[in-house]
């Protein structure tokens, strides 16, 4: 496997790493329940499953 001939400078390394950072997930507020949830994901609220403001599953199902 090829190896670099010369050492890369710390500036060059840091320029490469500028986009490597952890970001908090974007949260949305459900219009029906008012609860916070990750975007584009179904979420439970009081035992019922909601997606895009609509109830998908109830407790009995």
Protein backbone atom coordinates (compact mmCIF):
# COMPACT_ATOMS: atom_id res chain seq x y z
CA UNK A 1 0.00 0.00 0.00
CA UNK A 2 1.40 3.44 -0.85
CA UNK A 3 2.65 5.68 1.92
CA UNK A 4 3.22 9.43 1.82
CA UNK A 5 6.79 10.50 1.07
CA UNK A 6 6.62 13.61 3.23
CA UNK A 7 4.73 14.57 6.34
CA UNK A 8 1.56 16.63 5.88
CA UNK A 9 1.50 19.87 7.82
CA UNK A 10 -0.91 20.42 10.71
CA UNK A 11 -2.62 23.14 8.67
CA UNK A 12 -3.33 20.73 5.85
CA UNK A 13 -4.64 18.14 8.32
CA UNK A 14 -6.88 20.70 10.01
CA UNK A 15 -8.30 21.89 6.68
CA UNK A 16 -9.36 18.32 5.96
CA UNK A 17 -10.98 17.95 9.38
CA UNK A 18 -13.06 21.15 9.29
CA UNK A 19 -16.25 19.28 8.37
CA UNK A 20 -15.76 16.41 10.84
CA UNK A 21 -17.91 17.47 13.75
CA UNK A 22 -20.91 16.08 15.55
CA UNK A 23 -24.17 17.89 14.96
CA UNK A 24 -27.30 17.72 17.04
CA UNK A 25 -30.20 16.12 15.16
CA UNK A 26 -32.83 18.51 13.84
CA UNK A 27 -36.04 18.31 15.84
CA UNK A 28 -39.56 19.11 14.73
CA UNK A 29 -42.73 19.80 16.67
CA UNK A 30 -45.68 17.56 15.89
CA UNK A 31 -48.71 19.73 14.98
CA UNK A 32 -51.18 17.36 16.64
CA UNK A 33 -49.45 16.44 19.89
CA UNK A 34 -46.99 19.33 20.27
CA UNK A 35 -44.15 16.95 21.15
CA UNK A 36 -40.59 17.21 19.84
CA UNK A 37 -39.29 14.41 17.60
CA UNK A 38 -36.53 13.80 15.01
CA UNK A 39 -37.52 14.95 11.53
CA UNK A 40 -38.94 12.39 9.07
CA UNK A 41 -39.33 9.75 11.79
CA UNK A 42 -42.40 8.22 13.40
CA UNK A 43 -42.59 8.83 17.15
CA UNK A 44 -44.56 7.58 20.15
CA UNK A 45 -46.70 9.92 22.23
CA UNK A 46 -48.64 8.49 25.17
CA UNK A 47 -48.36 4.96 23.76
CA UNK A 48 -49.58 5.82 20.26
CA UNK A 49 -47.45 6.05 17.13
CA UNK A 50 -47.63 9.29 15.09
CA UNK A 51 -46.17 10.25 11.69
CA UNK A 52 -46.72 13.61 9.94
CA UNK A 53 -49.31 14.56 12.55
CA UNK A 54 -51.46 11.47 11.94
CA UNK A 55 -51.97 8.55 14.31
CA UNK A 56 -50.64 5.33 12.79
CA UNK A 57 -51.00 2.84 15.63
CA UNK A 58 -53.13 2.91 18.75
CA UNK A 59 -52.49 1.12 22.03
CA UNK A 60 -54.87 -1.75 21.19
CA UNK A 61 -53.27 -2.69 17.86
